[in-house]
Amino acid sequence: MAEPWQWHEIFGLTWVDFFRGTTVEVKQEFDTSVQQQLLDVLIIRPSGVAMPRELPDGFEPLAAHNLISFKSHREPLTDWTL
């Protein structure tokens, strides 16, 4: 039996590839808490730097620090999740 798709990893790698060669920093599975709770993607845009390319629909405008959580159709985005 094949392993299930690692959608969080694929989502993060897409952002890493999107910003490759720019000053924008992308971190995956970033721990943001005292009790381990991983954030899917953290995108850090240096202040005063224009976006290096046009963003995909729904991701405009990016702030200096952007916290992104990927939820598949099997993982609902609920109050508890946030």
Protein backbone atom coordinates (compact mmCIF):
# COMPACT_ATOMS: atom_id res chain seq x y z
CA MET A 1 0.00 0.00 0.00
CA ALA A 2 1.39 3.40 -0.99
CA GLU A 3 2.00 6.05 1.62
CA PRO A 4 -0.65 8.80 1.73
CA TRP A 5 0.24 12.12 0.12
CA GLN A 6 2.05 14.50 2.44
CA TRP A 7 -0.08 17.52 1.47
CA HIS A 8 1.40 19.86 4.10
CA GLU A 9 4.91 19.16 2.80
CA ILE A 10 3.86 19.57 -0.85
CA PHE A 11 2.09 22.86 0.00
CA GLY A 12 5.21 24.18 1.77
CA LEU A 13 7.57 23.07 -1.01
CA THR A 14 5.38 24.90 -3.52
CA TRP A 15 5.98 28.16 -1.61
CA VAL A 16 9.72 27.43 -1.29
CA ASP A 17 9.91 26.96 -5.06
CA PHE A 18 7.71 30.02 -5.75
CA PHE A 19 10.07 32.36 -3.87
CA ARG A 20 13.35 30.66 -4.90
CA GLY A 21 15.96 33.26 -5.92
CA THR A 22 14.24 36.14 -4.10
CA THR A 23 14.75 37.86 -0.74
CA VAL A 24 11.56 36.29 0.63
CA GLU A 25 12.21 33.57 3.22
CA VAL A 26 9.96 30.52 3.52
CA LYS A 27 10.09 28.17 6.52
CA GLN A 28 8.16 24.90 6.73
CA GLU A 29 6.82 23.11 9.80
CA PHE A 30 7.84 26.08 11.95
CA ASP A 31 7.32 25.64 15.70
CA THR A 32 5.56 28.73 17.09
CA SER A 33 4.73 27.71 20.64
CA VAL A 34 6.03 26.57 24.00
CA GLN A 35 4.05 23.34 23.60
CA GLN A 36 5.03 22.08 20.16
CA GLN A 37 2.50 23.11 17.55
CA LEU A 38 3.87 23.28 14.04
CA LEU A 39 2.82 25.94 11.58
CA ASP A 40 2.64 24.64 8.00
CA VAL A 41 4.32 27.61 6.29
CA LEU A 42 5.89 30.87 7.47
CA ILE A 43 6.67 33.45 4.74
CA ILE A 44 8.89 36.34 5.78
CA ARG A 45 9.13 39.34 3.44
CA PRO A 46 11.95 41.79 4.23
CA SER A 47 10.62 45.26 5.05
CA GLY A 48 10.86 47.82 2.30
CA VAL A 49 11.23 45.15 -0.39
CA ALA A 50 8.61 44.92 -3.13
CA MET A 51 7.11 41.53 -3.90
CA PRO A 52 9.44 39.83 -6.39
CA ARG A 53 6.60 38.36 -8.44
CA GLU A 54 2.82 38.28 -8.71
CA LEU A 55 1.20 36.14 -6.00
CA PRO A 56 -1.39 33.42 -6.57
CA ASP A 57 -5.04 34.45 -6.16
CA GLY A 58 -6.08 34.81 -2.53
CA PHE A 59 -2.59 35.55 -1.18
CA GLU A 60 -2.43 39.29 -1.80
CA PRO A 61 -1.12 41.40 -0.19
CA LEU A 62 1.47 39.63 1.94
CA ALA A 63 2.53 41.27 5.19
CA ALA A 64 6.08 41.18 6.55
CA HIS A 65 5.28 37.93 8.42
CA ASN A 66 2.66 35.52 7.05
CA LEU A 67 1.45 32.45 8.92
CA ILE A 68 -0.19 29.89 6.64
CA SER A 69 -1.99 26.70 7.63
CA PHE A 70 -2.93 24.12 5.02
CA LYS A 71 -6.20 22.27 5.54
CA SER A 72 -7.25 19.51 3.18
CA HIS A 73 -10.85 18.50 2.55
CA ARG A 74 -10.36 15.96 5.39
CA GLU A 75 -9.16 18.58 7.90
CA PRO A 76 -11.78 21.26 8.56
CA LEU A 77 -10.70 24.74 9.63
CA THR A 78 -12.49 25.17 12.96
CA ASP A 79 -12.37 27.62 15.87
CA TRP A 80 -10.23 25.10 17.78
CA THR A 81 -7.77 24.85 14.86
CA LEU A 82 -7.27 28.62 14.87
